[in-house]
Full PDB file with SEQRES, HELIX, SHEET, SSBOND, CRYST1, ORIGX, SCALE, CONECT and MASTER records, all heavy atoms in Angstrom:
SEQRES   1 A   40  PRO GLY GLN GLU ARG GLU PHE LEU VAL ALA ILE SER ARG          
SEQRES   2 A   40  THR GLY ARG SER THR SER SER ALA ASP SER VAL LYS GLY          
SEQRES   3 A   40  ARG PHE THR ILE SER ARG ASP ASN ALA LYS ASN THR VAL          
SEQRES   4 A   40  LEU                                                          
HELIX    1 AA1 ASN A   34  LYS A   36  5                                   3    
SHEET    1 AA1 2 VAL A   9  ILE A  11  0                                        
SHEET    2 AA1 2 THR A  18  SER A  20 -1                                        
SHEET    1 AA2 2 ARG A  32  ASP A  33  0                                        
SHEET    2 AA2 2 THR A  38  VAL A  39 -1                                        
CRYST1    1.000    1.000    1.000  90.00  90.00  90.00 P 1           1          
ORIGX1      1.000000  0.000000  0.000000        0.00000                         
ORIGX2      0.000000  1.000000  0.000000        0.00000                         
ORIGX3      0.000000  0.000000  1.000000        0.00000                         
SCALE1      1.000000  0.000000  0.000000        0.00000                         
SCALE2      0.000000  1.000000  0.000000        0.00000                         
SCALE3      0.000000  0.000000  1.000000        0.00000                         
ATOM      1  N   PRO A   1     -32.040 -30.621  19.206  1.00  0.00           N  
ATOM      2  CA  PRO A   1     -32.553 -29.270  18.961  1.00  0.00           C  
ATOM      3  C   PRO A   1     -31.628 -28.160  19.443  1.00  0.00           C  
ATOM      4  O   PRO A   1     -31.139 -28.239  20.537  1.00  0.00           O  
ATOM      5  CB  PRO A   1     -33.917 -29.200  19.701  1.00  0.00           C  
ATOM      6  CG  PRO A   1     -34.367 -30.647  19.740  1.00  0.00           C  
ATOM      7  CD  PRO A   1     -33.109 -31.485  20.029  1.00  0.00           C  
ATOM      8  N   GLY A   2     -31.304 -27.335  18.481  1.00  0.00           N  
ATOM      9  CA  GLY A   2     -30.440 -26.106  18.863  1.00  0.00           C  
ATOM     10  C   GLY A   2     -28.969 -26.519  18.566  1.00  0.00           C  
ATOM     11  O   GLY A   2     -28.086 -25.561  18.743  1.00  0.00           O  
ATOM     12  N   GLN A   3     -28.663 -27.626  18.182  1.00  0.00           N  
ATOM     13  CA  GLN A   3     -27.306 -28.122  18.000  1.00  0.00           C  
ATOM     14  C   GLN A   3     -27.102 -28.542  16.553  1.00  0.00           C  
ATOM     15  O   GLN A   3     -27.963 -28.903  15.904  1.00  0.00           O  
ATOM     16  CB  GLN A   3     -26.859 -29.232  18.923  1.00  0.00           C  
ATOM     17  CG  GLN A   3     -26.919 -28.797  20.401  1.00  0.00           C  
ATOM     18  CD  GLN A   3     -26.376 -29.903  21.296  1.00  0.00           C  
ATOM     19  OE1 GLN A   3     -25.786 -30.934  20.919  1.00  0.00           O  
ATOM     20  NE2 GLN A   3     -26.701 -29.829  22.657  1.00  0.00           N  
ATOM     21  N   GLU A   4     -25.821 -28.614  16.152  1.00  0.00           N  
ATOM     22  CA  GLU A   4     -25.500 -29.083  14.820  1.00  0.00           C  
ATOM     23  C   GLU A   4     -25.728 -30.537  14.681  1.00  0.00           C  
ATOM     24  O   GLU A   4     -25.545 -31.330  15.577  1.00  0.00           O  
ATOM     25  CB  GLU A   4     -23.996 -28.738  14.389  1.00  0.00           C  
ATOM     26  CG  GLU A   4     -23.847 -27.202  14.230  1.00  0.00           C  
ATOM     27  CD  GLU A   4     -22.484 -26.798  13.728  1.00  0.00           C  
ATOM     28  OE1 GLU A   4     -21.630 -27.843  13.658  1.00  0.00           O  
ATOM     29  OE2 GLU A   4     -22.194 -25.622  13.440  1.00  0.00           O  
ATOM     30  N   ARG A   5     -25.922 -30.995  13.480  1.00  0.00           N  
ATOM     31  CA  ARG A   5     -25.849 -32.456  13.210  1.00  0.00           C  
ATOM     32  C   ARG A   5     -24.515 -33.092  13.388  1.00  0.00           C  
ATOM     33  O   ARG A   5     -23.569 -32.572  13.001  1.00  0.00           O  
ATOM     34  CB  ARG A   5     -26.403 -32.707  11.804  1.00  0.00           C  
ATOM     35  CG  ARG A   5     -26.913 -34.138  11.518  1.00  0.00           C  
ATOM     36  CD  ARG A   5     -27.699 -34.205  10.318  1.00  0.00           C  
ATOM     37  NE  ARG A   5     -29.008 -33.547  10.532  1.00  0.00           N  
ATOM     38  CZ  ARG A   5     -30.090 -33.609   9.662  1.00  0.00           C  
ATOM     39  NH1 ARG A   5     -29.959 -34.196   8.595  1.00  0.00           N  
ATOM     40  NH2 ARG A   5     -31.192 -33.020   9.976  1.00  0.00           N  
ATOM     41  N   GLU A   6     -24.663 -34.214  14.258  1.00  0.00           N  
ATOM     42  CA  GLU A   6     -23.265 -34.803  14.612  1.00  0.00           C  
ATOM     43  C   GLU A   6     -23.147 -36.144  13.900  1.00  0.00           C  
ATOM     44  O   GLU A   6     -23.917 -37.025  13.909  1.00  0.00           O  
ATOM     45  CB  GLU A   6     -23.410 -35.108  16.158  1.00  0.00           C  
ATOM     46  CG  GLU A   6     -22.209 -35.816  16.767  1.00  0.00           C  
ATOM     47  CD  GLU A   6     -22.453 -36.350  18.263  1.00  0.00           C  
ATOM     48  OE1 GLU A   6     -23.540 -36.073  18.810  1.00  0.00           O  
ATOM     49  OE2 GLU A   6     -21.528 -36.755  18.803  1.00  0.00           O  
ATOM     50  N   PHE A   7     -21.993 -36.315  13.447  1.00  0.00           N  
ATOM     51  CA  PHE A   7     -21.644 -37.547  12.773  1.00  0.00           C  
ATOM     52  C   PHE A   7     -21.483 -38.621  13.805  1.00  0.00           C  
ATOM     53  O   PHE A   7     -20.874 -38.423  14.906  1.00  0.00           O  
ATOM     54  CB  PHE A   7     -20.276 -37.495  12.063  1.00  0.00           C  
ATOM     55  CG  PHE A   7     -19.688 -38.794  11.646  1.00  0.00           C  
ATOM     56  CD1 PHE A   7     -20.197 -39.496  10.614  1.00  0.00           C  
ATOM     57  CD2 PHE A   7     -18.580 -39.302  12.411  1.00  0.00           C  
ATOM     58  CE1 PHE A   7     -19.578 -40.718  10.287  1.00  0.00           C  
ATOM     59  CE2 PHE A   7     -17.972 -40.531  12.026  1.00  0.00           C  
ATOM     60  CZ  PHE A   7     -18.608 -41.276  10.946  1.00  0.00           C  
ATOM     61  N   LEU A   8     -21.881 -39.841  13.562  1.00  0.00           N  
ATOM     62  CA  LEU A   8     -21.689 -40.957  14.496  1.00  0.00           C  
ATOM     63  C   LEU A   8     -20.804 -42.050  13.883  1.00  0.00           C  
ATOM     64  O   LEU A   8     -19.721 -42.434  14.352  1.00  0.00           O  
ATOM     65  CB  LEU A   8     -23.205 -41.524  14.924  1.00  0.00           C  
ATOM     66  CG  LEU A   8     -24.114 -40.587  15.549  1.00  0.00           C  
ATOM     67  CD1 LEU A   8     -25.404 -41.350  15.651  1.00  0.00           C  
ATOM     68  CD2 LEU A   8     -23.489 -40.152  16.867  1.00  0.00           C  
ATOM     69  N   VAL A   9     -21.455 -42.755  12.927  1.00  0.00           N  
ATOM     70  CA  VAL A   9     -20.656 -43.931  12.114  1.00  0.00           C  
ATOM     71  C   VAL A   9     -20.963 -43.856  10.759  1.00  0.00           C  
ATOM     72  O   VAL A   9     -22.027 -43.406  10.349  1.00  0.00           O  
ATOM     73  CB  VAL A   9     -21.065 -45.258  12.896  1.00  0.00           C  
ATOM     74  CG1 VAL A   9     -20.624 -45.440  14.171  1.00  0.00           C  
ATOM     75  CG2 VAL A   9     -22.553 -45.404  12.778  1.00  0.00           C  
ATOM     76  N   ALA A  10     -19.998 -44.520   9.938  1.00  0.00           N  
ATOM     77  CA  ALA A  10     -20.412 -44.654   8.477  1.00  0.00           C  
ATOM     78  C   ALA A  10     -19.653 -45.838   7.968  1.00  0.00           C  
ATOM     79  O   ALA A  10     -18.810 -46.384   8.564  1.00  0.00           O  
ATOM     80  CB  ALA A  10     -19.902 -43.328   7.738  1.00  0.00           C  
ATOM     81  N   ILE A  11     -20.248 -46.321   6.839  1.00  0.00           N  
ATOM     82  CA  ILE A  11     -19.731 -47.512   6.336  1.00  0.00           C  
ATOM     83  C   ILE A  11     -19.560 -47.366   4.896  1.00  0.00           C  
ATOM     84  O   ILE A  11     -20.367 -46.728   4.083  1.00  0.00           O  
ATOM     85  CB  ILE A  11     -20.661 -48.863   6.706  1.00  0.00           C  
ATOM     86  CG1 ILE A  11     -20.089 -50.032   6.305  1.00  0.00           C  
ATOM     87  CG2 ILE A  11     -21.939 -48.634   6.085  1.00  0.00           C  
ATOM     88  CD1 ILE A  11     -20.751 -51.203   7.051  1.00  0.00           C  
ATOM     89  N   SER A  12     -18.360 -47.947   4.321  1.00  0.00           N  
ATOM     90  CA  SER A  12     -18.147 -47.844   2.897  1.00  0.00           C  
ATOM     91  C   SER A  12     -19.132 -48.675   2.107  1.00  0.00           C  
ATOM     92  O   SER A  12     -19.962 -49.529   2.580  1.00  0.00           O  
ATOM     93  CB  SER A  12     -16.737 -48.245   2.542  1.00  0.00           C  
ATOM     94  OG  SER A  12     -16.564 -49.706   2.825  1.00  0.00           O  
ATOM     95  N   ARG A  13     -19.037 -48.626   0.815  1.00  0.00           N  
ATOM     96  CA  ARG A  13     -20.036 -49.300  -0.059  1.00  0.00           C  
ATOM     97  C   ARG A  13     -19.975 -50.808   0.105  1.00  0.00           C  
ATOM     98  O   ARG A  13     -20.966 -51.494  -0.010  1.00  0.00           O  
ATOM     99  CB  ARG A  13     -19.688 -48.863  -1.589  1.00  0.00           C  
ATOM    100  CG  ARG A  13     -20.141 -47.448  -1.904  1.00  0.00           C  
ATOM    101  CD  ARG A  13     -19.649 -46.882  -3.248  1.00  0.00           C  
ATOM    102  NE  ARG A  13     -20.055 -47.795  -4.303  1.00  0.00           N  
ATOM    103  CZ  ARG A  13     -19.717 -47.668  -5.583  1.00  0.00           C  
ATOM    104  NH1 ARG A  13     -19.053 -46.620  -5.878  1.00  0.00           N  
ATOM    105  NH2 ARG A  13     -20.220 -48.463  -6.442  1.00  0.00           N  
ATOM    106  N   THR A  14     -18.737 -51.287   0.282  1.00  0.00           N  
ATOM    107  CA  THR A  14     -18.551 -52.846   0.402  1.00  0.00           C  
ATOM    108  C   THR A  14     -18.823 -53.284   1.791  1.00  0.00           C  
ATOM    109  O   THR A  14     -18.856 -54.473   2.071  1.00  0.00           O  
ATOM    110  CB  THR A  14     -17.193 -53.179  -0.163  1.00  0.00           C  
ATOM    111  OG1 THR A  14     -16.260 -52.601   0.770  1.00  0.00           O  
ATOM    112  CG2 THR A  14     -16.984 -52.723  -1.526  1.00  0.00           C  
ATOM    113  N   GLY A  15     -18.724 -52.261   2.699  1.00  0.00           N  
ATOM    114  CA  GLY A  15     -18.874 -52.722   4.148  1.00  0.00           C  
ATOM    115  C   GLY A  15     -17.462 -53.079   4.714  1.00  0.00           C  
ATOM    116  O   GLY A  15     -17.315 -53.302   5.920  1.00  0.00           O  
ATOM    117  N   ARG A  16     -16.398 -52.878   3.927  1.00  0.00           N  
ATOM    118  CA  ARG A  16     -15.077 -53.323   4.444  1.00  0.00           C  
ATOM    119  C   ARG A  16     -14.465 -52.113   5.321  1.00  0.00           C  
ATOM    120  O   ARG A  16     -13.474 -52.509   6.159  1.00  0.00           O  
ATOM    121  CB  ARG A  16     -14.098 -53.554   3.250  1.00  0.00           C  
ATOM    122  CG  ARG A  16     -14.456 -54.729   2.476  1.00  0.00           C  
ATOM    123  CD  ARG A  16     -13.476 -55.001   1.307  1.00  0.00           C  
ATOM    124  NE  ARG A  16     -13.770 -56.201   0.577  1.00  0.00           N  
ATOM    125  CZ  ARG A  16     -13.155 -56.662  -0.454  1.00  0.00           C  
ATOM    126  NH1 ARG A  16     -12.056 -55.893  -0.932  1.00  0.00           N  
ATOM    127  NH2 ARG A  16     -13.478 -57.637  -1.089  1.00  0.00           N  
ATOM    128  N   SER A  17     -14.910 -50.888   5.171  1.00  0.00           N  
ATOM    129  CA  SER A  17     -14.306 -49.781   5.928  1.00  0.00           C  
ATOM    130  C   SER A  17     -15.524 -49.037   6.608  1.00  0.00           C  
ATOM    131  O   SER A  17     -16.473 -48.879   6.130  1.00  0.00           O  
ATOM    132  CB  SER A  17     -13.678 -48.756   4.907  1.00  0.00           C  
ATOM    133  OG  SER A  17     -13.190 -47.667   5.522  1.00  0.00           O  
ATOM    134  N   THR A  18     -15.171 -48.736   7.954  1.00  0.00           N  
ATOM    135  CA  THR A  18     -16.036 -47.967   8.715  1.00  0.00           C  
ATOM    136  C   THR A  18     -15.304 -46.849   9.433  1.00  0.00           C  
ATOM    137  O   THR A  18     -14.099 -46.884   9.525  1.00  0.00           O  
ATOM    138  CB  THR A  18     -16.770 -48.816   9.927  1.00  0.00           C  
ATOM    139  OG1 THR A  18     -15.771 -49.288  10.689  1.00  0.00           O  
ATOM    140  CG2 THR A  18     -17.534 -50.010   9.230  1.00  0.00           C  
ATOM    141  N   SER A  19     -16.172 -45.860   9.799  1.00  0.00           N  
ATOM    142  CA  SER A  19     -15.554 -44.773  10.646  1.00  0.00           C  
ATOM    143  C   SER A  19     -16.498 -44.492  11.695  1.00  0.00           C  
ATOM    144  O   SER A  19     -17.739 -44.703  11.681  1.00  0.00           O  
ATOM    145  CB  SER A  19     -15.507 -43.452   9.740  1.00  0.00           C  
ATOM    146  OG  SER A  19     -14.619 -43.686   8.662  1.00  0.00           O  
ATOM    147  N   SER A  20     -15.978 -44.111  12.916  1.00  0.00           N  
ATOM    148  CA  SER A  20     -16.803 -43.918  14.105  1.00  0.00           C  
ATOM    149  C   SER A  20     -16.388 -42.658  14.832  1.00  0.00           C  
ATOM    150  O   SER A  20     -15.111 -42.412  14.844  1.00  0.00           O  
ATOM    151  CB  SER A  20     -16.693 -45.081  15.063  1.00  0.00           C  
ATOM    152  OG  SER A  20     -17.157 -46.154  14.537  1.00  0.00           O  
ATOM    153  N   ALA A  21     -17.264 -41.856  15.281  1.00  0.00           N  
ATOM    154  CA  ALA A  21     -16.909 -40.771  16.172  1.00  0.00           C  
ATOM    155  C   ALA A  21     -16.385 -41.277  17.540  1.00  0.00           C  
ATOM    156  O   ALA A  21     -16.846 -42.191  18.069  1.00  0.00           O  
ATOM    157  CB  ALA A  21     -18.124 -39.871  16.403  1.00  0.00           C  
ATOM    158  N   ASP A  22     -15.519 -40.462  18.041  1.00  0.00           N  
ATOM    159  CA  ASP A  22     -14.884 -40.860  19.375  1.00  0.00           C  
ATOM    160  C   ASP A  22     -16.124 -41.010  20.452  1.00  0.00           C  
ATOM    161  O   ASP A  22     -16.013 -41.938  21.385  1.00  0.00           O  
ATOM    162  CB  ASP A  22     -13.965 -39.818  19.876  1.00  0.00           C  
ATOM    163  CG  ASP A  22     -12.734 -39.896  19.012  1.00  0.00           C  
ATOM    164  OD1 ASP A  22     -12.393 -40.942  18.455  1.00  0.00           O  
ATOM    165  OD2 ASP A  22     -11.908 -38.889  19.166  1.00  0.00           O  
ATOM    166  N   SER A  23     -17.117 -40.160  20.367  1.00  0.00           N  
ATOM    167  CA  SER A  23     -18.131 -40.167  21.409  1.00  0.00           C  
ATOM    168  C   SER A  23     -18.919 -41.520  21.364  1.00  0.00           C  
ATOM    169  O   SER A  23     -19.629 -41.825  22.445  1.00  0.00           O  
ATOM    170  CB  SER A  23     -19.106 -39.094  21.144  1.00  0.00           C  
ATOM    171  OG  SER A  23     -19.723 -39.258  19.807  1.00  0.00           O  
ATOM    172  N   VAL A  24     -18.866 -42.302  20.361  1.00  0.00           N  
ATOM    173  CA  VAL A  24     -19.663 -43.609  20.236  1.00  0.00           C  
ATOM    174  C   VAL A  24     -18.802 -44.774  19.988  1.00  0.00           C  
ATOM    175  O   VAL A  24     -19.290 -45.911  19.966  1.00  0.00           O  
ATOM    176  CB  VAL A  24     -20.786 -43.522  19.220  1.00  0.00           C  
ATOM    177  CG1 VAL A  24     -21.717 -42.306  19.562  1.00  0.00           C  
ATOM    178  CG2 VAL A  24     -20.189 -43.368  17.798  1.00  0.00           C  
ATOM    179  N   LYS A  25     -17.481 -44.584  19.783  1.00  0.00           N  
ATOM    180  CA  LYS A  25     -16.540 -45.740  19.530  1.00  0.00           C  
ATOM    181  C   LYS A  25     -16.564 -46.709  20.683  1.00  0.00           C  
ATOM    182  O   LYS A  25     -16.659 -46.417  21.865  1.00  0.00           O  
ATOM    183  CB  LYS A  25     -15.203 -45.230  19.314  1.00  0.00           C  
ATOM    184  CG  LYS A  25     -14.267 -46.108  18.637  1.00  0.00           C  
ATOM    185  CD  LYS A  25     -12.979 -45.358  18.119  1.00  0.00           C  
ATOM    186  CE  LYS A  25     -13.373 -44.323  17.088  1.00  0.00           C  
ATOM    187  NZ  LYS A  25     -12.089 -43.719  16.521  1.00  0.00           N  
ATOM    188  N   GLY A  26     -16.711 -47.998  20.365  1.00  0.00           N  
ATOM    189  CA  GLY A  26     -16.929 -48.937  21.240  1.00  0.00           C  
ATOM    190  C   GLY A  26     -18.256 -49.253  21.757  1.00  0.00           C  
ATOM    191  O   GLY A  26     -18.547 -50.278  22.418  1.00  0.00           O  
ATOM    192  N   ARG A  27     -19.272 -48.402  21.395  1.00  0.00           N  
ATOM    193  CA  ARG A  27     -20.593 -48.550  21.881  1.00  0.00           C  
ATOM    194  C   ARG A  27     -21.493 -48.752  20.724  1.00  0.00           C  
ATOM    195  O   ARG A  27     -22.490 -49.423  20.705  1.00  0.00           O  
ATOM    196  CB  ARG A  27     -21.082 -47.335  22.722  1.00  0.00           C  
ATOM    197  CG  ARG A  27     -20.269 -47.180  23.980  1.00  0.00           C  
ATOM    198  CD  ARG A  27     -21.064 -46.016  24.915  1.00  0.00           C  
ATOM    199  NE  ARG A  27     -21.108 -44.746  24.202  1.00  0.00           N  
ATOM    200  CZ  ARG A  27     -22.317 -44.228  24.092  1.00  0.00           C  
ATOM    201  NH1 ARG A  27     -23.458 -44.714  24.457  1.00  0.00           N  
ATOM    202  NH2 ARG A  27     -22.334 -42.891  23.507  1.00  0.00           N  
ATOM    203  N   PHE A  28     -21.385 -47.937  19.628  1.00  0.00           N  
ATOM    204  CA  PHE A  28     -22.210 -48.039  18.427  1.00  0.00           C  
ATOM    205  C   PHE A  28     -21.374 -48.792  17.319  1.00  0.00           C  
ATOM    206  O   PHE A  28     -20.131 -48.649  17.092  1.00  0.00           O  
ATOM    207  CB  PHE A  28     -22.499 -46.707  17.873  1.00  0.00           C  
ATOM    208  CG  PHE A  28     -23.402 -45.870  18.855  1.00  0.00           C  
ATOM    209  CD1 PHE A  28     -23.673 -46.212  20.091  1.00  0.00           C  
ATOM    210  CD2 PHE A  28     -23.996 -44.690  18.339  1.00  0.00           C  
ATOM    211  CE1 PHE A  28     -24.525 -45.566  20.916  1.00  0.00           C  
ATOM    212  CE2 PHE A  28     -24.812 -43.981  19.148  1.00  0.00           C  
ATOM    213  CZ  PHE A  28     -25.158 -44.390  20.394  1.00  0.00           C  
ATOM    214  N   THR A  29     -22.118 -49.606  16.644  1.00  0.00           N  
ATOM    215  CA  THR A  29     -21.526 -50.369  15.477  1.00  0.00           C  
ATOM    216  C   THR A  29     -22.471 -50.283  14.279  1.00  0.00           C  
ATOM    217  O   THR A  29     -23.693 -50.479  14.418  1.00  0.00           O  
ATOM    218  CB  THR A  29     -21.467 -51.921  15.862  1.00  0.00           C  
ATOM    219  OG1 THR A  29     -20.650 -51.915  16.972  1.00  0.00           O  
ATOM    220  CG2 THR A  29     -20.672 -52.616  14.738  1.00  0.00           C  
ATOM    221  N   ILE A  30     -21.938 -50.029  13.135  1.00  0.00           N  
ATOM    222  CA  ILE A  30     -22.704 -50.003  11.890  1.00  0.00           C  
ATOM    223  C   ILE A  30     -22.390 -51.199  11.057  1.00  0.00           C  
ATOM    224  O   ILE A  30     -21.228 -51.727  11.046  1.00  0.00           O  
ATOM    225  CB  ILE A  30     -22.291 -48.613  11.102  1.00  0.00           C  
ATOM    226  CG1 ILE A  30     -23.273 -48.496   9.868  1.00  0.00           C  
ATOM    227  CG2 ILE A  30     -20.838 -48.674  10.700  1.00  0.00           C  
ATOM    228  CD1 ILE A  30     -23.109 -47.229   9.170  1.00  0.00           C  
ATOM    229  N   SER A  31     -23.330 -51.656  10.436  1.00  0.00           N  
ATOM    230  CA  SER A  31     -23.180 -52.808   9.577  1.00  0.00           C  
ATOM    231  C   SER A  31     -24.074 -52.710   8.301  1.00  0.00           C  
ATOM    232  O   SER A  31     -25.073 -51.864   8.375  1.00  0.00           O  
ATOM    233  CB  SER A  31     -23.466 -54.187  10.182  1.00  0.00           C  
ATOM    234  OG  SER A  31     -24.722 -54.123  10.652  1.00  0.00           O  
ATOM    235  N   ARG A  32     -23.984 -53.409   7.236  1.00  0.00           N  
ATOM    236  CA  ARG A  32     -24.831 -53.293   6.105  1.00  0.00           C  
ATOM    237  C   ARG A  32     -24.939 -54.676   5.510  1.00  0.00           C  
ATOM    238  O   ARG A  32     -24.077 -55.397   5.492  1.00  0.00           O  
ATOM    239  CB  ARG A  32     -24.220 -52.245   5.084  1.00  0.00           C  
ATOM    240  CG  ARG A  32     -22.989 -52.551   4.342  1.00  0.00           C  
ATOM    241  CD  ARG A  32     -22.605 -51.356   3.470  1.00  0.00           C  
ATOM    242  NE  ARG A  32     -23.540 -51.110   2.398  1.00  0.00           N  
ATOM    243  CZ  ARG A  32     -23.490 -49.931   1.740  1.00  0.00           C  
ATOM    244  NH1 ARG A  32     -22.605 -48.998   2.053  1.00  0.00           N  
ATOM    245  NH2 ARG A  32     -24.321 -49.703   0.831  1.00  0.00           N  
ATOM    246  N   ASP A  33     -26.197 -54.778   4.791  1.00  0.00           N  
ATOM    247  CA  ASP A  33     -26.370 -55.992   4.028  1.00  0.00           C  
ATOM    248  C   ASP A  33     -26.884 -55.541   2.707  1.00  0.00           C  
ATOM    249  O   ASP A  33     -28.034 -55.132   2.580  1.00  0.00           O  
ATOM    250  CB  ASP A  33     -27.509 -56.847   4.747  1.00  0.00           C  
ATOM    251  CG  ASP A  33     -27.736 -58.166   4.061  1.00  0.00           C  
ATOM    252  OD1 ASP A  33     -27.487 -58.248   2.839  1.00  0.00           O  
ATOM    253  OD2 ASP A  33     -28.242 -59.109   4.627  1.00  0.00           O  
ATOM    254  N   ASN A  34     -26.089 -55.636   1.732  1.00  0.00           N  
ATOM    255  CA  ASN A  34     -26.294 -55.000   0.375  1.00  0.00           C  
ATOM    256  C   ASN A  34     -27.443 -55.793  -0.307  1.00  0.00           C  
ATOM    257  O   ASN A  34     -28.135 -55.353  -1.114  1.00  0.00           O  
ATOM    258  CB  ASN A  34     -25.148 -54.895  -0.487  1.00  0.00           C  
ATOM    259  CG  ASN A  34     -24.245 -53.760   0.042  1.00  0.00           C  
ATOM    260  OD1 ASN A  34     -24.537 -52.853   0.704  1.00  0.00           O  
ATOM    261  ND2 ASN A  34     -22.949 -53.754  -0.430  1.00  0.00           N  
ATOM    262  N   ALA A  35     -27.466 -57.095   0.048  1.00  0.00           N  
ATOM    263  CA  ALA A  35     -28.504 -57.942  -0.496  1.00  0.00           C  
ATOM    264  C   ALA A  35     -29.949 -57.542  -0.098  1.00  0.00           C  
ATOM    265  O   ALA A  35     -30.949 -57.737  -0.674  1.00  0.00           O  
ATOM    266  CB  ALA A  35     -28.285 -59.480  -0.267  1.00  0.00           C  
ATOM    267  N   LYS A  36     -29.998 -56.888   1.065  1.00  0.00           N  
ATOM    268  CA  LYS A  36     -31.300 -56.605   1.678  1.00  0.00           C  
ATOM    269  C   LYS A  36     -31.475 -55.011   1.656  1.00  0.00           C  
ATOM    270  O   LYS A  36     -32.468 -54.470   2.246  1.00  0.00           O  
ATOM    271  CB  LYS A  36     -31.440 -57.113   3.078  1.00  0.00           C  
ATOM    272  CG  LYS A  36     -31.450 -58.591   3.203  1.00  0.00           C  
ATOM    273  CD  LYS A  36     -31.515 -59.033   4.641  1.00  0.00           C  
ATOM    274  CE  LYS A  36     -31.539 -60.639   4.728  1.00  0.00           C  
ATOM    275  NZ  LYS A  36     -31.639 -61.033   6.216  1.00  0.00           N  
ATOM    276  N   ASN A  37     -30.572 -54.253   1.011  1.00  0.00           N  
ATOM    277  CA  ASN A  37     -30.746 -52.847   0.931  1.00  0.00           C  
ATOM    278  C   ASN A  37     -30.753 -52.236   2.315  1.00  0.00           C  
ATOM    279  O   ASN A  37     -31.591 -51.206   2.483  1.00  0.00           O  
ATOM    280  CB  ASN A  37     -31.825 -52.408   0.074  1.00  0.00           C  
ATOM    281  CG  ASN A  37     -31.624 -52.793  -1.291  1.00  0.00           C  
ATOM    282  OD1 ASN A  37     -30.601 -53.367  -1.720  1.00  0.00           O  
ATOM    283  ND2 ASN A  37     -32.615 -52.463  -2.171  1.00  0.00           N  
ATOM    284  N   THR A  38     -30.185 -52.736   3.312  1.00  0.00           N  
ATOM    285  CA  THR A  38     -30.305 -52.360   4.649  1.00  0.00           C  
ATOM    286  C   THR A  38     -28.894 -52.007   5.428  1.00  0.00           C  
ATOM    287  O   THR A  38     -27.884 -52.659   5.118  1.00  0.00           O  
ATOM    288  CB  THR A  38     -31.026 -53.502   5.544  1.00  0.00           C  
ATOM    289  OG1 THR A  38     -32.337 -53.707   5.020  1.00  0.00           O  
ATOM    290  CG2 THR A  38     -31.106 -53.021   6.934  1.00  0.00           C  
ATOM    291  N   VAL A  39     -28.909 -50.997   6.127  1.00  0.00           N  
ATOM    292  CA  VAL A  39     -27.826 -50.586   7.088  1.00  0.00           C  
ATOM    293  C   VAL A  39     -28.402 -50.656   8.489  1.00  0.00           C  
ATOM    294  O   VAL A  39     -29.486 -50.099   8.775  1.00  0.00           O  
ATOM    295  CB  VAL A  39     -27.062 -49.265   6.733  1.00  0.00           C  
ATOM    296  CG1 VAL A  39     -28.114 -48.145   6.763  1.00  0.00           C  
ATOM    297  CG2 VAL A  39     -25.913 -49.098   7.492  1.00  0.00           C  
ATOM    298  N   LEU A  40     -27.581 -51.213   9.417  1.00  0.00           N  
ATOM    299  CA  LEU A  40     -27.998 -51.175  10.850  1.00  0.00           C  
ATOM    300  C   LEU A  40     -27.095 -50.438  11.651  1.00  0.00           C  
ATOM    301  O   LEU A  40     -25.885 -50.221  11.437  1.00  0.00           O  
ATOM    302  CB  LEU A  40     -28.054 -52.629  11.273  1.00  0.00           C  
ATOM    303  CG  LEU A  40     -28.905 -53.538  10.453  1.00  0.00           C  
ATOM    304  CD1 LEU A  40     -28.744 -55.043  11.078  1.00  0.00           C  
ATOM    305  CD2 LEU A  40     -30.324 -53.172  10.613  1.00  0.00           C  
TER     306      LEU A  40                                                      
MASTER        0    0    0    1    4    0    0    6  305    1    0    4          
END                                                                             
């Protein structure tokens, strides 16, 4: 509250490419399962 929305992690459509913010790098991991329509 009171702050701007902060980017954390993102993943490409195929899952082959990811991006992470420095604040969470090494701690947060993104993954996706396109067969299950899910991103974790």
